Amino acid sequence: MGGGIGVQLIGRLKELNDPELDIIALGTNAVATERMMKAGAHRGATGENAIRISTVQGDFIMGPIGIVISNSMMGEITPGMAEAILKARGERILLPLQQDHFYLAGLEQLPLAKMTDKAVEIFKERLRFSNQAG
């Protein structure tokens, strides 16, 4: 849907100034991928097959919760995309954004910027943990 959430996440990750981070932008459409590349992703790819192939490589997958729900985000998430993300070996850090056809009960509604901040904090904690474990 334009990559706006990915753009915000990539912007926040770039602020970490970690030369080890290799950010891959995976978009459901070319506009989303292009915007995430402009935000600072190192590589990018578009579409279901790119998502199927690339998600097996990542240690972390970040995005809105809709990326793991078939037909969400106004139909942009195909069943194949959702399945690939759910089966990926990497940890998923998902923003609990409401969708038109499902609701997340019991979660506090936060502005997107606050959700993004929280996602990056979780990422830093999990990255620190995985570096200590490995």
N, C-alpha and C. Protein backbone atom coordinates (compact mmCIF):
# COMPACT_ATOMS: atom_id res chain seq x y z
N MET A 1 0.83 -1.19 0.00
CA MET A 1 0.00 0.00 0.00
C MET A 1 0.87 1.25 0.00
N GLY A 2 1.99 1.18 -0.68
CA GLY A 2 2.85 2.34 -0.80
C GLY A 2 4.10 2.28 0.04
N GLY A 3 4.23 1.30 0.91
CA GLY A 3 5.45 1.13 1.68
C GLY A 3 5.66 2.11 2.80
N GLY A 4 4.63 2.85 3.20
CA GLY A 4 4.79 3.87 4.23
C GLY A 4 5.28 3.33 5.56
N ILE A 5 4.77 2.19 5.97
CA ILE A 5 5.20 1.61 7.24
C ILE A 5 6.64 1.13 7.13
N GLY A 6 6.96 0.50 6.00
CA GLY A 6 8.34 0.07 5.77
C GLY A 6 9.31 1.24 5.75
N VAL A 7 8.89 2.34 5.15
CA VAL A 7 9.73 3.55 5.12
C VAL A 7 10.03 4.02 6.53
N GLN A 8 9.01 4.04 7.38
CA GLN A 8 9.23 4.48 8.77
C GLN A 8 10.14 3.53 9.52
N LEU A 9 9.92 2.22 9.35
CA LEU A 9 10.77 1.24 10.03
C LEU A 9 12.22 1.35 9.56
N ILE A 10 12.42 1.46 8.26
CA ILE A 10 13.78 1.57 7.73
C ILE A 10 14.45 2.84 8.22
N GLY A 11 13.72 3.94 8.25
CA GLY A 11 14.27 5.18 8.77
C GLY A 11 14.76 5.04 10.19
N ARG A 12 13.97 4.39 11.01
CA ARG A 12 14.35 4.20 12.43
C ARG A 12 15.54 3.24 12.55
N LEU A 13 15.56 2.19 11.73
CA LEU A 13 16.68 1.25 11.77
C LEU A 13 17.98 1.92 11.31
N LYS A 14 17.88 2.78 10.31
CA LYS A 14 19.07 3.49 9.82
C LYS A 14 19.65 4.39 10.91
N GLU A 15 18.79 4.90 11.80
CA GLU A 15 19.26 5.75 12.90
C GLU A 15 20.16 4.99 13.86
N LEU A 16 20.11 3.67 13.85
CA LEU A 16 20.96 2.87 14.74
C LEU A 16 22.43 2.94 14.32
N ASN A 17 22.69 3.36 13.09
CA ASN A 17 24.06 3.49 12.57
C ASN A 17 24.88 2.22 12.79
N ASP A 18 24.27 1.07 12.52
CA ASP A 18 24.93 -0.22 12.68
C ASP A 18 25.39 -0.70 11.30
N PRO A 19 26.71 -0.71 11.05
CA PRO A 19 27.20 -1.11 9.74
C PRO A 19 26.94 -2.58 9.42
N GLU A 20 26.62 -3.36 10.41
CA GLU A 20 26.33 -4.79 10.21
C GLU A 20 24.93 -5.03 9.66
N LEU A 21 24.03 -4.05 9.82
CA LEU A 21 22.66 -4.24 9.36
C LEU A 21 22.59 -4.26 7.84
N ASP A 22 21.94 -5.29 7.33
CA ASP A 22 21.69 -5.40 5.89
C ASP A 22 20.17 -5.39 5.73
N ILE A 23 19.63 -4.25 5.37
CA ILE A 23 18.18 -4.08 5.30
C ILE A 23 17.70 -4.40 3.89
N ILE A 24 16.80 -5.37 3.81
CA ILE A 24 16.21 -5.77 2.54
C ILE A 24 14.75 -5.31 2.53
N ALA A 25 14.40 -4.53 1.54
CA ALA A 25 13.02 -4.04 1.40
C ALA A 25 12.27 -5.01 0.51
N LEU A 26 11.20 -5.57 1.04
CA LEU A 26 10.34 -6.46 0.26
C LEU A 26 8.97 -5.82 0.15
N GLY A 27 8.61 -5.44 -1.05
CA GLY A 27 7.33 -4.78 -1.27
C GLY A 27 6.34 -5.65 -2.00
N THR A 28 5.07 -5.39 -1.74
CA THR A 28 4.03 -6.09 -2.50
C THR A 28 3.86 -5.46 -3.87
N ASN A 29 4.36 -4.24 -4.04
CA ASN A 29 4.29 -3.56 -5.32
C ASN A 29 5.55 -2.72 -5.50
N ALA A 30 5.80 -2.32 -6.75
CA ALA A 30 7.04 -1.60 -7.07
C ALA A 30 7.14 -0.24 -6.37
N VAL A 31 6.02 0.43 -6.18
CA VAL A 31 6.04 1.74 -5.51
C VAL A 31 6.52 1.57 -4.08
N ALA A 32 6.01 0.56 -3.38
CA ALA A 32 6.42 0.32 -2.00
C ALA A 32 7.91 0.01 -1.92
N THR A 33 8.38 -0.85 -2.80
CA THR A 33 9.80 -1.20 -2.79
C THR A 33 10.67 0.01 -3.09
N GLU A 34 10.28 0.79 -4.07
CA GLU A 34 11.05 1.98 -4.44
C GLU A 34 11.13 2.97 -3.26
N ARG A 35 10.02 3.19 -2.59
CA ARG A 35 10.02 4.13 -1.46
C ARG A 35 10.92 3.63 -0.33
N MET A 36 10.89 2.31 -0.08
CA MET A 36 11.74 1.76 0.98
C MET A 36 13.22 1.82 0.60
N MET A 37 13.52 1.66 -0.68
CA MET A 37 14.90 1.80 -1.14
C MET A 37 15.38 3.24 -0.94
N LYS A 38 14.53 4.20 -1.26
CA LYS A 38 14.89 5.61 -1.06
C LYS A 38 15.07 5.93 0.42
N ALA A 39 14.39 5.18 1.29
CA ALA A 39 14.51 5.39 2.74
C ALA A 39 15.82 4.83 3.29
N GLY A 40 16.52 4.03 2.47
CA GLY A 40 17.83 3.55 2.91
C GLY A 40 18.04 2.05 2.93
N ALA A 41 17.08 1.27 2.42
CA ALA A 41 17.29 -0.17 2.36
C ALA A 41 18.48 -0.46 1.44
N HIS A 42 19.22 -1.49 1.74
CA HIS A 42 20.40 -1.83 0.95
C HIS A 42 20.05 -2.56 -0.34
N ARG A 43 18.99 -3.35 -0.29
CA ARG A 43 18.52 -4.10 -1.46
C ARG A 43 17.00 -4.13 -1.40
N GLY A 44 16.39 -4.43 -2.55
CA GLY A 44 14.94 -4.49 -2.57
C GLY A 44 14.44 -5.40 -3.66
N ALA A 45 13.26 -5.95 -3.43
CA ALA A 45 12.61 -6.81 -4.41
C ALA A 45 11.10 -6.69 -4.22
N THR A 46 10.38 -7.06 -5.28
CA THR A 46 8.93 -6.86 -5.29
C THR A 46 8.21 -8.15 -5.66
N GLY A 47 7.08 -8.37 -4.99
CA GLY A 47 6.18 -9.44 -5.39
C GLY A 47 6.28 -10.71 -4.59
N GLU A 48 5.33 -11.61 -4.87
CA GLU A 48 5.21 -12.84 -4.09
C GLU A 48 6.46 -13.71 -4.17
N ASN A 49 6.98 -13.93 -5.36
CA ASN A 49 8.15 -14.82 -5.46
C ASN A 49 9.35 -14.22 -4.74
N ALA A 50 9.56 -12.92 -4.87
CA ALA A 50 10.66 -12.27 -4.17
C ALA A 50 10.51 -12.44 -2.66
N ILE A 51 9.30 -12.33 -2.16
CA ILE A 51 9.05 -12.49 -0.73
C ILE A 51 9.29 -13.93 -0.32
N ARG A 52 8.82 -14.89 -1.12
CA ARG A 52 9.04 -16.31 -0.81
C ARG A 52 10.53 -16.64 -0.73
N ILE A 53 11.31 -16.12 -1.67
CA ILE A 53 12.74 -16.44 -1.73
C ILE A 53 13.52 -15.68 -0.66
N SER A 54 13.23 -14.42 -0.49
CA SER A 54 14.04 -13.56 0.39
C SER A 54 13.76 -13.75 1.87
N THR A 55 12.56 -14.13 2.25
CA THR A 55 12.26 -14.25 3.68
C THR A 55 13.05 -15.37 4.34
N VAL A 56 13.50 -16.34 3.58
CA VAL A 56 14.29 -17.42 4.20
C VAL A 56 15.68 -16.95 4.58
N GLN A 57 16.11 -15.80 4.08
CA GLN A 57 17.46 -15.30 4.33
C GLN A 57 17.56 -14.43 5.58
N GLY A 58 16.46 -13.82 5.99
CA GLY A 58 16.52 -12.82 7.04
C GLY A 58 16.52 -13.38 8.45
N ASP A 59 17.18 -12.65 9.34
CA ASP A 59 17.14 -12.98 10.76
C ASP A 59 15.92 -12.36 11.43
N PHE A 60 15.42 -11.26 10.86
CA PHE A 60 14.26 -10.56 11.40
C PHE A 60 13.38 -10.12 10.24
N ILE A 61 12.08 -10.16 10.47
CA ILE A 61 11.11 -9.65 9.51
C ILE A 61 10.26 -8.65 10.28
N MET A 62 10.20 -7.43 9.77
CA MET A 62 9.43 -6.38 10.44
C MET A 62 8.38 -5.83 9.51
N GLY A 63 7.21 -5.54 10.05
CA GLY A 63 6.14 -4.97 9.26
C GLY A 63 4.84 -4.98 10.04
N PRO A 64 3.76 -4.55 9.41
CA PRO A 64 2.46 -4.59 10.08
C PRO A 64 1.97 -6.03 10.19
N ILE A 65 1.12 -6.30 11.15
CA ILE A 65 0.62 -7.66 11.37
C ILE A 65 -0.08 -8.22 10.13
N GLY A 66 -0.58 -7.37 9.30
CA GLY A 66 -1.26 -7.82 8.09
C GLY A 66 -0.38 -8.63 7.15
N ILE A 67 0.94 -8.56 7.29
CA ILE A 67 1.81 -9.33 6.39
C ILE A 67 1.73 -10.82 6.63
N VAL A 68 1.13 -11.24 7.74
CA VAL A 68 0.99 -12.68 8.00
C VAL A 68 -0.46 -13.15 7.87
N ILE A 69 -1.31 -12.29 7.33
CA ILE A 69 -2.74 -12.63 7.19
C ILE A 69 -3.12 -12.54 5.71
N SER A 70 -3.48 -13.68 5.16
CA SER A 70 -3.86 -13.75 3.74
C SER A 70 -4.94 -12.73 3.42
N ASN A 71 -4.79 -12.09 2.28
CA ASN A 71 -5.75 -11.15 1.73
C ASN A 71 -5.92 -9.87 2.53
N SER A 72 -5.02 -9.60 3.46
CA SER A 72 -5.10 -8.36 4.22
C SER A 72 -4.47 -7.22 3.41
N MET A 73 -4.46 -6.06 3.99
CA MET A 73 -3.92 -4.86 3.37
C MET A 73 -4.56 -4.64 2.00
N MET A 74 -5.89 -4.68 2.02
CA MET A 74 -6.72 -4.45 0.83
C MET A 74 -6.43 -5.48 -0.26
N GLY A 75 -6.08 -6.70 0.15
CA GLY A 75 -5.86 -7.79 -0.78
C GLY A 75 -4.45 -7.90 -1.30
N GLU A 76 -3.56 -7.03 -0.88
CA GLU A 76 -2.18 -7.06 -1.40
C GLU A 76 -1.38 -8.25 -0.88
N ILE A 77 -1.74 -8.77 0.28
CA ILE A 77 -1.00 -9.90 0.83
C ILE A 77 -1.65 -11.18 0.34
N THR A 78 -0.95 -11.87 -0.54
CA THR A 78 -1.48 -13.13 -1.07
C THR A 78 -1.28 -14.24 -0.04
N PRO A 79 -2.03 -15.33 -0.16
CA PRO A 79 -1.81 -16.47 0.74
C PRO A 79 -0.35 -16.94 0.71
N GLY A 80 0.27 -16.92 -0.46
CA GLY A 80 1.67 -17.34 -0.57
C GLY A 80 2.62 -16.44 0.18
N MET A 81 2.37 -15.14 0.14
CA MET A 81 3.21 -14.19 0.88
C MET A 81 3.08 -14.43 2.38
N ALA A 82 1.85 -14.52 2.86
CA ALA A 82 1.61 -14.72 4.29
C ALA A 82 2.25 -16.02 4.77
N GLU A 83 2.10 -17.08 3.98
CA GLU A 83 2.67 -18.37 4.35
C GLU A 83 4.20 -18.30 4.40
N ALA A 84 4.81 -17.66 3.42
CA ALA A 84 6.27 -17.54 3.40
C ALA A 84 6.78 -16.80 4.62
N ILE A 85 6.10 -15.73 5.00
CA ILE A 85 6.53 -14.96 6.16
C ILE A 85 6.35 -15.77 7.44
N LEU A 86 5.26 -16.49 7.54
CA LEU A 86 5.02 -17.32 8.73
C LEU A 86 6.02 -18.47 8.84
N LYS A 87 6.47 -19.02 7.72
CA LYS A 87 7.39 -20.15 7.73
C LYS A 87 8.86 -19.74 7.80
N ALA A 88 9.14 -18.47 7.66
CA ALA A 88 10.53 -18.00 7.66
C ALA A 88 11.21 -18.35 8.98
N ARG A 89 12.50 -18.57 8.92
CA ARG A 89 13.25 -18.94 10.13
C ARG A 89 13.47 -17.74 11.05
N GLY A 90 13.47 -16.55 10.51
CA GLY A 90 13.76 -15.35 11.29
C GLY A 90 12.63 -14.98 12.24
N GLU A 91 12.97 -14.16 13.20
CA GLU A 91 11.96 -13.66 14.14
C GLU A 91 11.13 -12.59 13.45
N ARG A 92 9.84 -12.57 13.77
CA ARG A 92 8.94 -11.57 13.23
C ARG A 92 8.61 -10.54 14.31
N ILE A 93 8.77 -9.28 13.96
CA ILE A 93 8.40 -8.17 14.84
C ILE A 93 7.31 -7.42 14.09
N LEU A 94 6.08 -7.54 14.59
CA LEU A 94 4.91 -7.06 13.86
C LEU A 94 4.23 -5.91 14.59
N LEU A 95 3.84 -4.91 13.83
CA LEU A 95 3.10 -3.78 14.38
C LEU A 95 1.61 -4.12 14.36
N PRO A 96 0.92 -3.97 15.49
CA PRO A 96 -0.48 -4.37 15.57
C PRO A 96 -1.45 -3.35 14.97
N LEU A 97 -1.32 -3.13 13.68
CA LEU A 97 -2.21 -2.18 13.00
C LEU A 97 -3.53 -2.86 12.67
N GLN A 98 -4.62 -2.19 12.98
CA GLN A 98 -5.95 -2.74 12.70
C GLN A 98 -6.17 -2.82 11.19
N GLN A 99 -6.92 -3.80 10.78
CA GLN A 99 -7.32 -3.97 9.39
C GLN A 99 -8.85 -3.88 9.34
N ASP A 100 -9.38 -3.64 8.16
CA ASP A 100 -10.83 -3.51 8.03
C ASP A 100 -11.59 -4.78 8.38
N HIS A 101 -10.99 -5.94 8.16
CA HIS A 101 -11.73 -7.18 8.32
C HIS A 101 -11.34 -8.00 9.54
N PHE A 102 -10.51 -7.48 10.42
CA PHE A 102 -10.23 -8.15 11.68
C PHE A 102 -9.83 -7.12 12.72
N TYR A 103 -9.96 -7.50 13.98
CA TYR A 103 -9.68 -6.60 15.08
C TYR A 103 -8.76 -7.28 16.07
N LEU A 104 -7.90 -6.53 16.67
CA LEU A 104 -6.99 -7.02 17.69
C LEU A 104 -7.51 -6.53 19.04
N ALA A 105 -8.16 -7.40 19.76
CA ALA A 105 -8.78 -7.03 21.03
C ALA A 105 -7.73 -6.95 22.13
N GLY A 106 -7.89 -5.99 22.99
CA GLY A 106 -7.04 -5.88 24.16
C GLY A 106 -5.74 -5.13 23.94
N LEU A 107 -5.51 -4.62 22.74
CA LEU A 107 -4.30 -3.85 22.49
C LEU A 107 -4.60 -2.36 22.53
N GLU A 108 -3.69 -1.64 23.15
CA GLU A 108 -3.84 -0.19 23.21
C GLU A 108 -3.58 0.39 21.82
N GLN A 109 -4.44 1.29 21.39
CA GLN A 109 -4.23 1.97 20.12
C GLN A 109 -3.13 3.01 20.30
N LEU A 110 -2.05 2.87 19.55
CA LEU A 110 -0.94 3.81 19.61
C LEU A 110 -0.76 4.46 18.24
N PRO A 111 -0.22 5.66 18.21
CA PRO A 111 0.13 6.25 16.93
C PRO A 111 1.20 5.40 16.25
N LEU A 112 1.23 5.43 14.93
CA LEU A 112 2.18 4.63 14.17
C LEU A 112 3.62 4.90 14.60
N ALA A 113 3.96 6.14 14.87
CA ALA A 113 5.33 6.48 15.28
C ALA A 113 5.71 5.77 16.58
N LYS A 114 4.77 5.68 17.51
CA LYS A 114 5.04 4.99 18.79
C LYS A 114 5.20 3.49 18.55
N MET A 115 4.36 2.92 17.67
CA MET A 115 4.49 1.50 17.35
C MET A 115 5.84 1.22 16.71
N THR A 116 6.26 2.10 15.83
CA THR A 116 7.55 1.94 15.16
C THR A 116 8.68 2.01 16.17
N ASP A 117 8.62 2.96 17.08
CA ASP A 117 9.63 3.07 18.13
C ASP A 117 9.70 1.78 18.94
N LYS A 118 8.54 1.25 19.32
CA LYS A 118 8.49 0.02 20.11
C LYS A 118 9.06 -1.16 19.32
N ALA A 119 8.74 -1.24 18.04
CA ALA A 119 9.26 -2.32 17.19
C ALA A 119 10.78 -2.28 17.12
N VAL A 120 11.34 -1.08 16.99
CA VAL A 120 12.79 -0.95 16.92
C VAL A 120 13.43 -1.30 18.26
N GLU A 121 12.78 -0.94 19.36
CA GLU A 121 13.29 -1.33 20.68
C GLU A 121 13.31 -2.84 20.83
N ILE A 122 12.24 -3.51 20.40
CA ILE A 122 12.20 -4.97 20.44
C ILE A 122 13.30 -5.54 19.56
N PHE A 123 13.48 -4.97 18.37
CA PHE A 123 14.53 -5.42 17.47
C PHE A 123 15.90 -5.33 18.15
N LYS A 124 16.19 -4.21 18.78
CA LYS A 124 17.49 -4.04 19.45
C LYS A 124 17.67 -5.08 20.56
N GLU A 125 16.62 -5.33 21.35
CA GLU A 125 16.70 -6.34 22.41
C GLU A 125 16.95 -7.72 21.83
N ARG A 126 16.20 -8.10 20.80
CA ARG A 126 16.33 -9.43 20.20
C ARG A 126 17.67 -9.57 19.49
N LEU A 127 18.15 -8.52 18.87
CA LEU A 127 19.45 -8.56 18.21
C LEU A 127 20.55 -8.76 19.24
N ARG A 128 20.47 -8.04 20.33
CA ARG A 128 21.44 -8.18 21.41
C ARG A 128 21.41 -9.60 21.96
N PHE A 129 20.21 -10.15 22.15
CA PHE A 129 20.06 -11.52 22.66
C PHE A 129 20.64 -12.53 21.68
N SER A 130 20.34 -12.37 20.39
CA SER A 130 20.83 -13.35 19.40
C SER A 130 22.35 -13.26 19.24
N ASN A 131 22.91 -12.06 19.40
CA ASN A 131 24.37 -11.92 19.33
C ASN A 131 25.05 -12.57 20.53
N GLN A 132 24.41 -12.51 21.70
CA GLN A 132 24.98 -13.15 22.89
C GLN A 132 24.85 -14.67 22.81
N ALA A 133 23.74 -15.14 22.23
CA ALA A 133 23.51 -16.59 22.14
C ALA A 133 24.39 -17.23 21.07
N GLY A 134 24.72 -16.47 20.03
CA GLY A 134 25.47 -17.04 18.91
C GLY A 134 26.89 -16.81 19.06
